[in-house]
N, C-alpha and C. Protein backbone atom coordinates (compact mmCIF):
# COMPACT_ATOMS: atom_id res chain seq x y z
N UNK A 1 126.88 117.09 108.76
CA UNK A 1 126.71 117.74 107.47
C UNK A 1 125.23 117.74 107.09
N UNK A 2 124.76 118.83 106.57
CA UNK A 2 123.38 118.95 106.13
C UNK A 2 123.24 118.39 104.72
N UNK A 3 122.24 117.54 104.53
CA UNK A 3 121.98 116.98 103.20
C UNK A 3 121.60 118.10 102.23
N UNK A 4 122.17 118.11 101.03
CA UNK A 4 121.78 119.13 100.05
C UNK A 4 120.32 118.95 99.63
N UNK A 5 119.68 120.04 99.30
CA UNK A 5 118.30 119.97 98.80
C UNK A 5 118.31 119.44 97.37
N UNK A 6 117.15 119.10 96.88
CA UNK A 6 117.02 118.62 95.51
C UNK A 6 117.53 119.68 94.53
N UNK A 7 117.17 120.94 94.75
CA UNK A 7 117.64 122.02 93.86
C UNK A 7 119.15 122.16 93.90
N UNK A 8 119.74 122.05 95.09
CA UNK A 8 121.21 122.14 95.20
C UNK A 8 121.87 121.00 94.46
N UNK A 9 121.32 119.81 94.61
CA UNK A 9 121.87 118.65 93.89
C UNK A 9 121.78 118.88 92.38
N UNK A 10 120.63 119.34 91.91
CA UNK A 10 120.41 119.55 90.47
C UNK A 10 121.31 120.65 89.92
N UNK A 11 121.57 121.69 90.70
CA UNK A 11 122.44 122.78 90.24
C UNK A 11 123.88 122.31 90.00
N UNK A 12 124.31 121.29 90.73
CA UNK A 12 125.69 120.80 90.62
C UNK A 12 125.91 119.88 89.43
N UNK A 13 124.86 119.45 88.76
CA UNK A 13 124.97 118.40 87.73
C UNK A 13 125.64 118.92 86.46
N UNK A 14 126.64 118.17 86.01
CA UNK A 14 127.35 118.45 84.76
C UNK A 14 127.23 117.31 83.77
N UNK A 15 126.70 116.16 84.24
CA UNK A 15 126.51 115.00 83.36
C UNK A 15 125.32 114.18 83.87
N UNK A 16 124.48 113.73 82.94
CA UNK A 16 123.35 112.87 83.26
C UNK A 16 123.61 111.51 82.62
N UNK A 17 123.60 110.47 83.44
CA UNK A 17 123.80 109.10 82.98
C UNK A 17 122.45 108.40 82.97
N UNK A 18 122.13 107.78 81.84
CA UNK A 18 120.84 107.12 81.67
C UNK A 18 121.00 105.63 81.45
N UNK A 19 120.09 104.87 82.01
CA UNK A 19 119.90 103.48 81.65
C UNK A 19 118.97 103.48 80.44
N UNK A 20 118.88 102.37 79.74
CA UNK A 20 118.00 102.30 78.56
C UNK A 20 116.68 101.62 78.92
N UNK A 21 116.72 100.31 79.13
CA UNK A 21 115.48 99.56 79.34
C UNK A 21 114.86 99.93 80.68
N UNK A 22 113.64 100.43 80.62
CA UNK A 22 112.94 100.84 81.83
C UNK A 22 113.05 102.32 82.13
N UNK A 23 113.99 103.00 81.46
CA UNK A 23 114.14 104.45 81.61
C UNK A 23 113.79 105.12 80.29
N UNK A 24 114.53 104.81 79.25
CA UNK A 24 114.24 105.34 77.92
C UNK A 24 113.22 104.50 77.16
N UNK A 25 112.96 103.30 77.65
CA UNK A 25 111.92 102.44 77.06
C UNK A 25 110.97 101.99 78.15
N UNK A 26 109.89 101.36 77.74
CA UNK A 26 108.90 100.85 78.70
C UNK A 26 109.22 99.43 79.15
N UNK A 27 110.42 98.97 78.93
CA UNK A 27 110.90 97.63 79.31
C UNK A 27 110.43 96.53 78.38
N UNK A 28 109.64 96.86 77.39
CA UNK A 28 109.18 95.82 76.47
C UNK A 28 110.19 95.61 75.36
N UNK A 29 110.40 94.36 75.01
CA UNK A 29 111.21 93.99 73.86
C UNK A 29 110.29 93.32 72.85
N UNK A 30 110.30 93.79 71.64
CA UNK A 30 109.52 93.19 70.58
C UNK A 30 110.48 92.32 69.79
N UNK A 31 110.21 91.00 69.80
CA UNK A 31 111.13 90.04 69.20
C UNK A 31 110.56 89.50 67.91
N UNK A 32 111.36 89.61 66.84
CA UNK A 32 110.95 89.09 65.54
C UNK A 32 111.34 87.64 65.38
N UNK A 33 110.75 86.94 64.42
CA UNK A 33 111.06 85.52 64.21
C UNK A 33 112.50 85.29 63.78
N UNK A 34 113.14 86.33 63.27
CA UNK A 34 114.54 86.21 62.84
C UNK A 34 115.51 86.58 63.97
N UNK A 35 114.97 86.81 65.17
CA UNK A 35 115.81 87.19 66.30
C UNK A 35 116.01 88.69 66.43
N UNK A 36 115.43 89.46 65.52
CA UNK A 36 115.55 90.92 65.62
C UNK A 36 114.81 91.41 66.85
N UNK A 37 115.28 92.53 67.35
CA UNK A 37 114.73 93.11 68.56
C UNK A 37 114.35 94.56 68.31
N UNK A 38 113.14 94.95 68.73
CA UNK A 38 112.67 96.31 68.53
C UNK A 38 112.34 96.92 69.87
N UNK A 39 112.56 98.22 69.99
CA UNK A 39 112.22 98.97 71.19
C UNK A 39 111.56 100.27 70.75
N UNK A 40 110.65 100.76 71.57
CA UNK A 40 110.03 102.05 71.30
C UNK A 40 110.62 103.08 72.25
N UNK A 41 110.90 104.27 71.74
CA UNK A 41 111.41 105.37 72.55
C UNK A 41 110.45 106.55 72.43
N UNK A 42 110.51 107.43 73.40
CA UNK A 42 109.64 108.59 73.43
C UNK A 42 110.39 109.80 72.87
N UNK A 43 109.81 110.47 71.91
CA UNK A 43 110.45 111.62 71.28
C UNK A 43 110.69 112.73 72.30
N UNK A 44 109.83 112.85 73.30
CA UNK A 44 110.03 113.86 74.34
C UNK A 44 111.33 113.61 75.10
N UNK A 45 111.64 112.35 75.35
CA UNK A 45 112.91 112.04 76.01
C UNK A 45 114.09 112.45 75.14
N UNK A 46 113.97 112.23 73.84
CA UNK A 46 115.03 112.65 72.92
C UNK A 46 115.24 114.15 72.97
N UNK A 47 114.15 114.90 73.03
CA UNK A 47 114.27 116.35 73.13
C UNK A 47 114.91 116.74 74.46
N UNK A 48 114.55 116.07 75.53
CA UNK A 48 115.18 116.34 76.82
C UNK A 48 116.68 116.15 76.77
N UNK A 49 117.12 115.09 76.11
CA UNK A 49 118.56 114.83 75.95
C UNK A 49 119.20 115.97 75.15
N UNK A 50 118.57 116.36 74.06
CA UNK A 50 119.12 117.46 73.25
C UNK A 50 119.20 118.76 74.04
N UNK A 51 118.18 119.04 74.84
CA UNK A 51 118.18 120.27 75.64
C UNK A 51 119.30 120.26 76.67
N UNK A 52 119.54 119.12 77.29
CA UNK A 52 120.66 119.01 78.23
C UNK A 52 121.97 119.29 77.52
N UNK A 53 122.16 118.64 76.39
CA UNK A 53 123.41 118.82 75.63
C UNK A 53 123.58 120.27 75.20
N UNK A 54 122.52 120.91 74.72
CA UNK A 54 122.60 122.30 74.29
C UNK A 54 122.90 123.24 75.45
N UNK A 55 122.53 122.83 76.65
CA UNK A 55 122.78 123.65 77.84
C UNK A 55 124.18 123.39 78.41
N UNK A 56 124.96 122.53 77.75
CA UNK A 56 126.32 122.25 78.21
C UNK A 56 126.41 121.14 79.23
N UNK A 57 125.37 120.36 79.38
CA UNK A 57 125.36 119.23 80.31
C UNK A 57 125.56 117.96 79.50
N UNK A 58 126.60 117.22 79.81
CA UNK A 58 126.88 115.97 79.09
C UNK A 58 125.80 114.94 79.39
N UNK A 59 125.57 114.06 78.44
CA UNK A 59 124.65 112.95 78.62
C UNK A 59 125.42 111.68 78.27
N UNK A 60 125.26 110.67 79.10
CA UNK A 60 125.91 109.39 78.88
C UNK A 60 124.88 108.28 79.05
N UNK A 61 125.16 107.14 78.45
CA UNK A 61 124.29 105.97 78.57
C UNK A 61 125.14 104.80 79.03
N UNK A 62 124.67 104.13 80.08
CA UNK A 62 125.31 102.90 80.55
C UNK A 62 124.20 101.88 80.72
N UNK A 63 124.21 100.85 79.86
CA UNK A 63 123.13 99.88 79.84
C UNK A 63 123.66 98.46 79.79
N UNK A 64 122.93 97.55 80.38
CA UNK A 64 123.34 96.16 80.41
C UNK A 64 123.04 95.37 79.15
N UNK A 65 122.24 95.94 78.24
CA UNK A 65 121.86 95.21 77.03
C UNK A 65 122.47 95.84 75.79
N UNK A 66 122.80 95.02 74.79
CA UNK A 66 123.25 95.56 73.51
C UNK A 66 122.05 96.01 72.68
N UNK A 67 122.26 96.99 71.82
CA UNK A 67 121.19 97.41 70.91
C UNK A 67 121.76 98.32 69.84
N UNK A 68 121.87 97.79 68.63
CA UNK A 68 122.36 98.60 67.51
C UNK A 68 121.42 99.77 67.23
N UNK A 69 120.11 99.54 67.37
CA UNK A 69 119.15 100.61 67.12
C UNK A 69 119.31 101.74 68.13
N UNK A 70 119.51 101.40 69.40
CA UNK A 70 119.70 102.44 70.42
C UNK A 70 121.02 103.17 70.20
N UNK A 71 122.06 102.46 69.79
CA UNK A 71 123.33 103.10 69.49
C UNK A 71 123.13 104.16 68.41
N UNK A 72 122.39 103.82 67.37
CA UNK A 72 122.10 104.79 66.30
C UNK A 72 121.29 105.97 66.82
N UNK A 73 120.33 105.70 67.69
CA UNK A 73 119.52 106.77 68.26
C UNK A 73 120.39 107.74 69.05
N UNK A 74 121.30 107.22 69.86
CA UNK A 74 122.16 108.08 70.66
C UNK A 74 123.08 108.91 69.77
N UNK A 75 123.59 108.31 68.71
CA UNK A 75 124.43 109.05 67.77
C UNK A 75 123.64 110.18 67.13
N UNK A 76 122.39 109.92 66.77
CA UNK A 76 121.58 110.95 66.13
C UNK A 76 121.25 112.09 67.09
N UNK A 77 121.22 111.81 68.38
CA UNK A 77 120.96 112.84 69.39
C UNK A 77 122.21 113.60 69.81
N UNK A 78 123.38 113.08 69.42
CA UNK A 78 124.63 113.73 69.79
C UNK A 78 125.23 113.23 71.11
N UNK A 79 124.76 112.09 71.60
CA UNK A 79 125.31 111.52 72.83
C UNK A 79 126.63 110.85 72.48
N UNK A 80 127.71 111.33 73.11
CA UNK A 80 129.06 110.85 72.78
C UNK A 80 129.55 109.73 73.69
N UNK A 81 128.93 109.57 74.84
CA UNK A 81 129.40 108.61 75.84
C UNK A 81 128.37 107.50 75.99
N UNK A 82 128.62 106.37 75.31
CA UNK A 82 127.65 105.28 75.29
C UNK A 82 128.35 103.96 75.60
N UNK A 83 127.86 103.30 76.64
CA UNK A 83 128.31 101.95 76.98
C UNK A 83 127.09 101.06 76.96
N UNK A 84 127.04 100.12 76.02
CA UNK A 84 125.96 99.16 75.93
C UNK A 84 126.52 97.76 76.17
N UNK A 85 125.67 96.85 76.63
CA UNK A 85 126.09 95.48 76.90
C UNK A 85 127.13 95.42 78.01
N UNK A 86 126.93 96.25 79.05
CA UNK A 86 127.86 96.36 80.17
C UNK A 86 127.27 95.63 81.37
N UNK A 87 127.93 94.58 81.80
CA UNK A 87 127.44 93.81 82.94
C UNK A 87 127.68 94.54 84.26
N UNK A 88 128.87 95.08 84.42
CA UNK A 88 129.22 95.83 85.64
C UNK A 88 129.32 97.31 85.26
N UNK A 89 128.43 98.12 85.81
CA UNK A 89 128.32 99.51 85.38
C UNK A 89 129.31 100.46 86.04
N UNK A 90 129.80 100.12 87.23
CA UNK A 90 130.71 101.03 87.94
C UNK A 90 131.99 101.31 87.15
N UNK A 91 132.65 100.33 86.55
CA UNK A 91 133.86 100.66 85.77
C UNK A 91 133.58 101.67 84.65
N UNK A 92 132.46 101.54 83.96
CA UNK A 92 132.10 102.51 82.91
C UNK A 92 131.88 103.89 83.53
N UNK A 93 131.21 103.94 84.67
CA UNK A 93 130.95 105.19 85.37
C UNK A 93 132.26 105.86 85.77
N UNK A 94 133.20 105.09 86.29
CA UNK A 94 134.49 105.64 86.69
C UNK A 94 135.29 106.13 85.49
N UNK A 95 135.23 105.41 84.38
CA UNK A 95 135.87 105.86 83.15
C UNK A 95 135.28 107.20 82.71
N UNK A 96 133.97 107.31 82.78
CA UNK A 96 133.28 108.55 82.41
C UNK A 96 133.71 109.71 83.31
N UNK A 97 133.75 109.47 84.61
CA UNK A 97 134.21 110.51 85.55
C UNK A 97 135.61 111.00 85.17
N UNK A 98 136.49 110.06 84.88
CA UNK A 98 137.87 110.40 84.51
C UNK A 98 137.90 111.19 83.19
N UNK A 99 137.17 110.71 82.19
CA UNK A 99 137.16 111.38 80.88
C UNK A 99 136.67 112.82 80.98
N UNK A 100 135.66 113.03 81.82
CA UNK A 100 135.05 114.36 81.93
C UNK A 100 135.66 115.22 83.03
N UNK A 101 136.50 114.62 83.88
CA UNK A 101 137.11 115.37 84.98
C UNK A 101 136.09 115.81 86.01
N UNK A 102 135.10 114.96 86.28
CA UNK A 102 134.03 115.30 87.20
C UNK A 102 134.10 114.46 88.47
N UNK A 103 133.31 114.87 89.46
CA UNK A 103 133.18 114.15 90.73
C UNK A 103 131.78 113.55 90.80
N UNK A 104 131.61 112.58 91.69
CA UNK A 104 130.31 111.92 91.84
C UNK A 104 129.19 112.93 92.04
N UNK A 105 129.42 113.97 92.83
CA UNK A 105 128.36 114.95 93.14
C UNK A 105 127.89 115.72 91.91
N UNK A 106 128.68 115.69 90.83
CA UNK A 106 128.33 116.40 89.60
C UNK A 106 127.60 115.50 88.60
N UNK A 107 127.32 114.27 89.04
CA UNK A 107 126.68 113.28 88.17
C UNK A 107 125.25 113.03 88.62
N UNK A 108 124.34 112.98 87.65
CA UNK A 108 122.99 112.50 87.89
C UNK A 108 122.88 111.14 87.21
N UNK A 109 122.21 110.21 87.85
CA UNK A 109 122.01 108.89 87.27
C UNK A 109 120.52 108.60 87.31
N UNK A 110 119.97 108.19 86.16
CA UNK A 110 118.56 107.81 86.09
C UNK A 110 118.49 106.32 85.78
N UNK A 111 118.07 105.56 86.79
CA UNK A 111 117.94 104.11 86.66
C UNK A 111 116.58 103.67 87.13
N UNK A 112 116.30 102.39 86.94
CA UNK A 112 114.97 101.89 87.30
C UNK A 112 114.96 100.56 88.03
N UNK A 113 116.12 99.91 88.18
CA UNK A 113 116.10 98.57 88.77
C UNK A 113 117.42 98.28 89.47
N UNK A 114 117.52 97.11 90.03
CA UNK A 114 118.64 96.72 90.88
C UNK A 114 120.01 96.91 90.22
N UNK A 115 120.21 96.59 88.92
CA UNK A 115 121.54 96.81 88.34
C UNK A 115 121.99 98.28 88.35
N UNK A 116 121.05 99.20 88.49
CA UNK A 116 121.38 100.63 88.49
C UNK A 116 121.73 101.17 89.88
N UNK A 117 121.46 100.40 90.91
CA UNK A 117 121.65 100.89 92.28
C UNK A 117 123.07 101.34 92.60
N UNK A 118 124.12 100.61 92.20
CA UNK A 118 125.47 101.09 92.52
C UNK A 118 125.74 102.49 91.97
N UNK A 119 125.27 102.77 90.76
CA UNK A 119 125.46 104.10 90.17
C UNK A 119 124.59 105.12 90.88
N UNK A 120 123.36 104.77 91.15
CA UNK A 120 122.44 105.70 91.81
C UNK A 120 122.96 106.09 93.19
N UNK A 121 123.56 105.15 93.88
CA UNK A 121 124.07 105.42 95.23
C UNK A 121 125.30 106.32 95.21
N UNK A 122 126.04 106.31 94.13
CA UNK A 122 127.22 107.17 94.01
C UNK A 122 126.91 108.56 93.51
N UNK A 123 125.84 108.68 92.75
CA UNK A 123 125.53 109.94 92.07
C UNK A 123 125.14 111.05 93.04
N UNK A 124 125.47 112.27 92.65
CA UNK A 124 125.02 113.42 93.41
C UNK A 124 123.52 113.59 93.34
N UNK A 125 122.92 113.14 92.23
CA UNK A 125 121.48 113.21 92.05
C UNK A 125 121.00 111.89 91.45
N UNK A 126 120.29 111.09 92.25
CA UNK A 126 119.75 109.82 91.80
C UNK A 126 118.31 110.03 91.38
N UNK A 127 118.01 109.68 90.14
CA UNK A 127 116.69 109.88 89.53
C UNK A 127 116.10 108.53 89.16
N UNK A 128 114.78 108.46 89.15
CA UNK A 128 114.14 107.22 88.70
C UNK A 128 112.79 107.53 88.07
N UNK A 129 112.16 106.49 87.57
CA UNK A 129 110.87 106.59 86.88
C UNK A 129 109.76 106.12 87.82
N UNK A 130 108.54 106.50 87.50
CA UNK A 130 107.40 106.18 88.38
C UNK A 130 107.21 104.69 88.59
N UNK A 131 107.49 103.89 87.56
CA UNK A 131 107.26 102.45 87.65
C UNK A 131 108.54 101.66 87.95
N UNK A 132 109.48 102.30 88.62
CA UNK A 132 110.74 101.65 88.96
C UNK A 132 110.53 100.56 90.02
N UNK A 133 111.52 99.69 90.12
CA UNK A 133 111.55 98.69 91.18
C UNK A 133 111.58 99.42 92.53
N UNK A 134 110.95 98.88 93.56
CA UNK A 134 110.94 99.55 94.86
C UNK A 134 112.33 99.92 95.39
N UNK A 135 113.34 99.11 95.11
CA UNK A 135 114.69 99.44 95.58
C UNK A 135 115.25 100.67 94.87
N UNK A 136 114.93 100.83 93.60
CA UNK A 136 115.37 102.03 92.87
C UNK A 136 114.61 103.25 93.38
N UNK A 137 113.32 103.09 93.63
CA UNK A 137 112.54 104.20 94.19
C UNK A 137 113.11 104.63 95.54
N UNK A 138 113.51 103.67 96.36
CA UNK A 138 114.06 103.98 97.69
C UNK A 138 115.41 104.68 97.59
N UNK A 139 116.19 104.36 96.56
CA UNK A 139 117.53 104.94 96.40
C UNK A 139 117.50 106.32 95.75
N UNK A 140 116.39 106.69 95.15
CA UNK A 140 116.31 107.93 94.37
C UNK A 140 116.09 109.16 95.24
N UNK A 141 116.71 110.25 94.82
CA UNK A 141 116.43 111.56 95.42
C UNK A 141 115.15 112.15 94.83
N UNK A 142 114.80 111.69 93.62
CA UNK A 142 113.64 112.22 92.90
C UNK A 142 113.09 111.13 91.99
N UNK A 143 111.76 111.04 91.92
CA UNK A 143 111.10 110.11 91.01
C UNK A 143 110.16 110.88 90.10
N UNK A 144 110.22 110.56 88.83
CA UNK A 144 109.33 111.16 87.84
C UNK A 144 107.88 110.77 88.13
N UNK A 145 106.97 111.57 87.66
CA UNK A 145 105.55 111.21 87.69
C UNK A 145 105.25 110.23 86.57
N UNK A 146 106.18 110.10 85.62
CA UNK A 146 105.97 109.32 84.41
C UNK A 146 106.74 108.01 84.45
N UNK A 147 106.24 107.03 83.72
CA UNK A 147 106.89 105.73 83.64
C UNK A 147 108.04 105.75 82.65
N UNK A 148 108.87 104.72 82.72
CA UNK A 148 109.94 104.56 81.76
C UNK A 148 109.39 104.50 80.35
N UNK A 149 110.03 105.21 79.43
CA UNK A 149 109.58 105.27 78.05
C UNK A 149 108.41 106.21 77.84
N UNK A 150 107.96 106.88 78.90
CA UNK A 150 106.80 107.74 78.80
C UNK A 150 107.09 109.22 78.97
N UNK A 151 108.34 109.61 78.82
CA UNK A 151 108.70 111.02 78.96
C UNK A 151 109.38 111.35 80.28
N UNK A 152 109.74 110.36 81.06
CA UNK A 152 110.37 110.58 82.36
C UNK A 152 111.73 111.26 82.23
N UNK A 153 112.48 110.92 81.19
CA UNK A 153 113.80 111.55 80.98
C UNK A 153 113.62 113.04 80.70
N UNK A 154 112.62 113.40 79.91
CA UNK A 154 112.36 114.82 79.64
C UNK A 154 112.00 115.55 80.93
N UNK A 155 111.20 114.91 81.78
CA UNK A 155 110.82 115.52 83.05
C UNK A 155 112.06 115.74 83.93
N UNK A 156 112.96 114.78 83.95
CA UNK A 156 114.20 114.92 84.72
C UNK A 156 115.08 116.02 84.13
N UNK A 157 115.16 116.08 82.81
CA UNK A 157 115.93 117.14 82.16
C UNK A 157 115.38 118.51 82.53
N UNK A 158 114.06 118.64 82.51
CA UNK A 158 113.43 119.91 82.89
C UNK A 158 113.77 120.30 84.33
N UNK A 159 113.78 119.33 85.23
CA UNK A 159 114.13 119.57 86.63
C UNK A 159 115.54 120.16 86.75
N UNK A 160 116.49 119.54 86.07
CA UNK A 160 117.89 119.97 86.13
C UNK A 160 118.05 121.34 85.48
N UNK A 161 117.48 121.50 84.29
CA UNK A 161 117.62 122.77 83.57
C UNK A 161 116.99 123.92 84.35
N UNK A 162 115.86 123.69 84.97
CA UNK A 162 115.21 124.74 85.76
C UNK A 162 116.07 125.12 86.96
N UNK A 163 116.61 124.13 87.65
CA UNK A 163 117.45 124.39 88.82
C UNK A 163 118.69 125.21 88.44
N UNK A 164 119.17 125.02 87.20
CA UNK A 164 120.36 125.73 86.74
C UNK A 164 120.03 127.02 85.99
N UNK A 165 118.74 127.37 85.93
CA UNK A 165 118.33 128.58 85.23
C UNK A 165 118.52 128.50 83.73
N UNK A 166 118.50 127.29 83.18
CA UNK A 166 118.71 127.07 81.75
C UNK A 166 117.46 126.49 81.08
N UNK A 167 116.29 126.68 81.71
CA UNK A 167 115.10 126.04 81.19
C UNK A 167 114.51 126.68 79.96
N UNK A 168 115.08 127.78 79.51
CA UNK A 168 114.62 128.37 78.25
C UNK A 168 115.58 128.07 77.11
N UNK A 169 116.61 127.29 77.38
CA UNK A 169 117.60 126.94 76.36
C UNK A 169 116.98 125.99 75.35
N UNK A 170 117.44 126.03 74.13
CA UNK A 170 117.07 125.05 73.14
C UNK A 170 115.75 125.27 72.44
N UNK A 171 115.18 126.46 72.55
CA UNK A 171 113.92 126.67 71.83
C UNK A 171 114.17 126.48 70.35
N UNK A 172 113.31 125.69 69.74
CA UNK A 172 113.46 125.37 68.32
C UNK A 172 114.22 124.07 68.08
N UNK A 173 114.67 123.41 69.16
CA UNK A 173 115.40 122.15 69.01
C UNK A 173 114.44 121.06 68.54
N UNK A 174 114.98 120.10 67.80
CA UNK A 174 114.19 118.96 67.34
C UNK A 174 114.71 117.70 67.97
N UNK A 175 113.81 116.76 68.22
CA UNK A 175 114.18 115.52 68.87
C UNK A 175 114.28 114.39 67.87
């Protein structure tokens, strides 16, 4: 069997699964004296998520850490499939496949480190960020030029939308 090209993989995508820390953030946690936790996100990534959703491509989040702030961010962007504080990501991925009636080849996964590898290896399109762990870089079909939290998700969204001929969708969208 001939391996599909990057464009062929991207054309098949109906859902993009994102990790949070290291993909949507720069991996830094800002800890307050009261135990509060802060994260910074890139507005460009938010717009990329909105553009995918407006183009009819589902977006899901599967992350190993809890975060009330990130949950609120995903709700504000319209992301309906969110699993936070998940130690084993494959069961959430399989639930998502079942809910959406999709196959592995129709899934893109953007991860950055070892916990993301099982999902990346199953996905039809494995994506990562420029500053990912070497194992994630090796597992990826495509790596962003940008680091986690620096617009890499938007770059991945643009790749998928262009491959599907939907790169002009969402003009006027806000992130």
